[in-house]
Each structure stands twice: as C-alpha cells, then as structure tokens.
C-alpha cells in the first residue's frame, strides 16, 4: 500500500509547531542564563555532550529493527526470507529462486 503524501496543511502545522518549540527552548535558555537557576546553564554543554554520546551508543549498538535488514544480515532473501547461502551469486548479486527478487548479496558471515 503506497503512502499518501502529507497535505500542505499538515506540513505547515508541523513547521509552526517546530518553530514554536524552538522559541520556547530559546526562552528557557535565556531564563536559565540570567535567572535564579544560572548554575544549570553552566552544566548544559556537559549534559548535551553526555546525551549526544548516549544517543550515538544506542544507535550504534542497537540491533536492527527492520525486517529486511535482519534478513540481509542473515543471508536470507529480503522479500520472502528464503535461505540464499547455497545460491550461486552472479557478479552483481543473487536472484531468489522462490520469489525472483534480485538483490546485492554478501552472504552469511562464517564467524557469526
């Protein structure tokens, strides 16, 4: 089933919501910089660095959630899940004998 493109109104609403959010963040930062909680403003660069490293670690070490990515890494056809490890790959890839899907294929790693 094909995705329907978002309507212009939905796009404009999203853009306005993002702009309002950015303005609220700017106001919060100004309050933290000059208000009674100015010590929090001094901790923001360190906190942002920790959050950035944590998000990067989650992205790098998280298992693939996409079914086709999992199948590709296991040496299976990304469309139907047929085991392609015994198939003879051509120069550019392999065609699945079950569904006919052509894919660039590296095969299952021997140490996995």
C-alpha atoms as a PDB file:
ATOM      1  CA  UNK A   1       0.000   0.000   0.000  1.00  0.00           C
ATOM      2  CA  UNK A   2       1.509   3.304  -1.079  1.00  0.00           C
ATOM      3  CA  UNK A   3       1.906   6.141   1.376  1.00  0.00           C
ATOM      4  CA  UNK A   4      -0.191   9.200   0.754  1.00  0.00           C
ATOM      5  CA  UNK A   5       1.764  12.442   0.739  1.00  0.00           C
ATOM      6  CA  UNK A   6       1.086  14.676   3.700  1.00  0.00           C
ATOM      7  CA  UNK A   7      -1.239  17.537   2.985  1.00  0.00           C
ATOM      8  CA  UNK A   8       0.045  21.081   2.845  1.00  0.00           C
ATOM      9  CA  UNK A   9      -1.892  21.947   5.987  1.00  0.00           C
ATOM     10  CA  UNK A  10      -0.263  19.113   7.953  1.00  0.00           C
ATOM     11  CA  UNK A  11       3.193  20.200   6.775  1.00  0.00           C
ATOM     12  CA  UNK A  12       2.571  23.817   7.721  1.00  0.00           C
ATOM     13  CA  UNK A  13       1.247  22.758  11.131  1.00  0.00           C
ATOM     14  CA  UNK A  14       4.398  20.721  11.746  1.00  0.00           C
ATOM     15  CA  UNK A  15       6.637  23.627  10.722  1.00  0.00           C
ATOM     16  CA  UNK A  16       4.786  26.034  13.010  1.00  0.00           C
ATOM     17  CA  UNK A  17       4.998  23.551  15.893  1.00  0.00           C
ATOM     18  CA  UNK A  18       8.756  23.182  15.415  1.00  0.00           C
ATOM     19  CA  UNK A  19       9.249  26.960  15.297  1.00  0.00           C
ATOM     20  CA  UNK A  20       7.196  27.461  18.472  1.00  0.00           C
ATOM     21  CA  UNK A  21       9.210  24.718  20.179  1.00  0.00           C
ATOM     22  CA  UNK A  22      12.498  26.372  19.184  1.00  0.00           C
ATOM     23  CA  UNK A  23      11.283  29.731  20.507  1.00  0.00           C
ATOM     24  CA  UNK A  24      10.282  28.137  23.821  1.00  0.00           C
ATOM     25  CA  UNK A  25      13.698  26.480  24.109  1.00  0.00           C
ATOM     26  CA  UNK A  26      15.386  29.838  23.439  1.00  0.00           C
ATOM     27  CA  UNK A  27      13.259  31.489  26.144  1.00  0.00           C
ATOM     28  CA  UNK A  28      14.081  28.708  28.588  1.00  0.00           C
ATOM     29  CA  UNK A  29      17.795  29.069  27.898  1.00  0.00           C
ATOM     30  CA  UNK A  30      17.636  32.824  28.475  1.00  0.00           C
ATOM     31  CA  UNK A  31      15.793  32.265  31.755  1.00  0.00           C
ATOM     32  CA  UNK A  32      18.392  29.731  32.834  1.00  0.00           C
ATOM     33  CA  UNK A  33      21.229  32.048  31.841  1.00  0.00           C
ATOM     34  CA  UNK A  34      20.121  35.095  33.792  1.00  0.00           C
ATOM     35  CA  UNK A  35      17.563  33.735  36.251  1.00  0.00           C
ATOM     36  CA  UNK A  36      17.970  32.205  39.705  1.00  0.00           C
ATOM     37  CA  UNK A  37      18.985  28.859  38.206  1.00  0.00           C
ATOM     38  CA  UNK A  38      22.010  30.124  36.289  1.00  0.00           C
ATOM     39  CA  UNK A  39      24.120  27.225  37.605  1.00  0.00           C
ATOM     40  CA  UNK A  40      22.067  24.885  35.370  1.00  0.00           C
ATOM     41  CA  UNK A  41      23.114  26.927  32.328  1.00  0.00           C
ATOM     42  CA  UNK A  42      26.751  26.191  33.158  1.00  0.00           C
ATOM     43  CA  UNK A  43      26.028  22.437  33.119  1.00  0.00           C
ATOM     44  CA  UNK A  44      24.213  22.406  29.762  1.00  0.00           C
ATOM     45  CA  UNK A  45      27.255  21.821  27.487  1.00  0.00           C
ATOM     46  CA  UNK A  46      28.342  18.813  29.551  1.00  0.00           C
ATOM     47  CA  UNK A  47      24.800  17.433  29.701  1.00  0.00           C
ATOM     48  CA  UNK A  48      24.368  17.849  25.947  1.00  0.00           C
ATOM     49  CA  UNK A  49      27.650  16.042  25.304  1.00  0.00           C
ATOM     50  CA  UNK A  50      26.606  13.143  27.543  1.00  0.00           C
ATOM     51  CA  UNK A  51      23.217  12.904  25.804  1.00  0.00           C
ATOM     52  CA  UNK A  52      24.859  13.013  22.372  1.00  0.00           C
ATOM     53  CA  UNK A  53      27.283  10.203  23.271  1.00  0.00           C
ATOM     54  CA  UNK A  54      24.478   8.126  24.808  1.00  0.00           C
ATOM     55  CA  UNK A  55      22.279   8.569  21.730  1.00  0.00           C
ATOM     56  CA  UNK A  56      25.172   7.598  19.477  1.00  0.00           C
ATOM     57  CA  UNK A  57      25.852   4.477  21.545  1.00  0.00           C
ATOM     58  CA  UNK A  58      22.195   3.432  21.372  1.00  0.00           C
ATOM     59  CA  UNK A  59      22.214   3.965  17.601  1.00  0.00           C
ATOM     60  CA  UNK A  60      25.436   2.008  17.050  1.00  0.00           C
ATOM     61  CA  UNK A  61      24.810  -0.917  19.406  1.00  0.00           C
ATOM     62  CA  UNK A  62      21.074  -1.404  18.940  1.00  0.00           C
ATOM     63  CA  UNK A  63      20.007  -4.451  16.928  1.00  0.00           C
ATOM     64  CA  UNK A  64      18.400  -3.844  13.551  1.00  0.00           C
ATOM     65  CA  UNK A  65      14.648  -3.452  13.802  1.00  0.00           C
ATOM     66  CA  UNK A  66      13.932  -3.524  10.102  1.00  0.00           C
ATOM     67  CA  UNK A  67      12.937  -6.988   8.861  1.00  0.00           C
ATOM     68  CA  UNK A  68      14.786  -6.647   5.553  1.00  0.00           C
ATOM     69  CA  UNK A  69      17.973  -5.581   7.366  1.00  0.00           C
ATOM     70  CA  UNK A  70      17.776  -8.621   9.648  1.00  0.00           C
ATOM     71  CA  UNK A  71      17.169 -10.920   6.703  1.00  0.00           C
ATOM     72  CA  UNK A  72      20.038  -9.393   4.702  1.00  0.00           C
ATOM     73  CA  UNK A  73      22.470  -9.855   7.577  1.00  0.00           C
ATOM     74  CA  UNK A  74      21.387 -13.473   7.997  1.00  0.00           C
ATOM     75  CA  UNK A  75      21.859 -14.269   4.294  1.00  0.00           C
ATOM     76  CA  UNK A  76      18.140 -14.538   3.543  1.00  0.00           C
ATOM     77  CA  UNK A  77      16.041 -13.062   0.754  1.00  0.00           C
ATOM     78  CA  UNK A  78      14.811  -9.659   1.890  1.00  0.00           C
ATOM     79  CA  UNK A  79      11.357 -10.219   0.362  1.00  0.00           C
ATOM     80  CA  UNK A  80      10.370 -13.794   1.282  1.00  0.00           C
ATOM     81  CA  UNK A  81      13.048 -14.969   3.743  1.00  0.00           C
ATOM     82  CA  UNK A  82      14.383 -17.834   1.591  1.00  0.00           C
ATOM     83  CA  UNK A  83      17.867 -19.010   2.625  1.00  0.00           C
ATOM     84  CA  UNK A  84      20.290 -17.831  -0.086  1.00  0.00           C
ATOM     85  CA  UNK A  85      23.522 -19.230   1.372  1.00  0.00           C
ATOM     86  CA  UNK A  86      23.638 -22.120  -1.128  1.00  0.00           C
ATOM     87  CA  UNK A  87      22.777 -19.925  -4.124  1.00  0.00           C
ATOM     88  CA  UNK A  88      25.404 -19.139  -6.727  1.00  0.00           C
ATOM     89  CA  UNK A  89      25.808 -15.361  -6.783  1.00  0.00           C
ATOM     90  CA  UNK A  90      26.379 -13.637 -10.091  1.00  0.00           C
ATOM     91  CA  UNK A  91      28.811 -10.767 -10.460  1.00  0.00           C
ATOM     92  CA  UNK A  92      26.348  -8.184  -9.101  1.00  0.00           C
ATOM     93  CA  UNK A  93      24.170 -10.178  -6.723  1.00  0.00           C
ATOM     94  CA  UNK A  94      21.779 -13.085  -6.481  1.00  0.00           C
ATOM     95  CA  UNK A  95      18.221 -13.768  -7.617  1.00  0.00           C
ATOM     96  CA  UNK A  96      15.955 -15.551  -5.156  1.00  0.00           C
ATOM     97  CA  UNK A  97      14.657 -18.853  -6.589  1.00  0.00           C
ATOM     98  CA  UNK A  98      11.424 -18.528  -4.579  1.00  0.00           C
ATOM     99  CA  UNK A  99      10.184 -15.023  -5.396  1.00  0.00           C
ATOM    100  CA  UNK A 100      12.560 -13.790  -8.121  1.00  0.00           C
ATOM    101  CA  UNK A 101      13.757 -10.787  -6.118  1.00  0.00           C
ATOM    102  CA  UNK A 102      17.219  -9.641  -7.229  1.00  0.00           C
ATOM    103  CA  UNK A 103      19.464  -8.251  -4.517  1.00  0.00           C
ATOM    104  CA  UNK A 104      23.082  -7.370  -3.995  1.00  0.00           C
ATOM    105  CA  UNK A 105      24.211 -10.071  -1.618  1.00  0.00           C
ATOM    106  CA  UNK A 106      27.227 -10.614   0.586  1.00  0.00           C
ATOM    107  CA  UNK A 107      26.135 -13.913   2.121  1.00  0.00           C
ATOM    108  CA  UNK A 108      26.198 -15.101   5.699  1.00  0.00           C
ATOM    109  CA  UNK A 109      29.454 -14.465   7.508  1.00  0.00           C
ATOM    110  CA  UNK A 110      31.299 -17.612   8.578  1.00  0.00           C
ATOM    111  CA  UNK A 111      32.122 -16.378  12.092  1.00  0.00           C
ATOM    112  CA  UNK A 112      28.547 -15.414  13.013  1.00  0.00           C
END
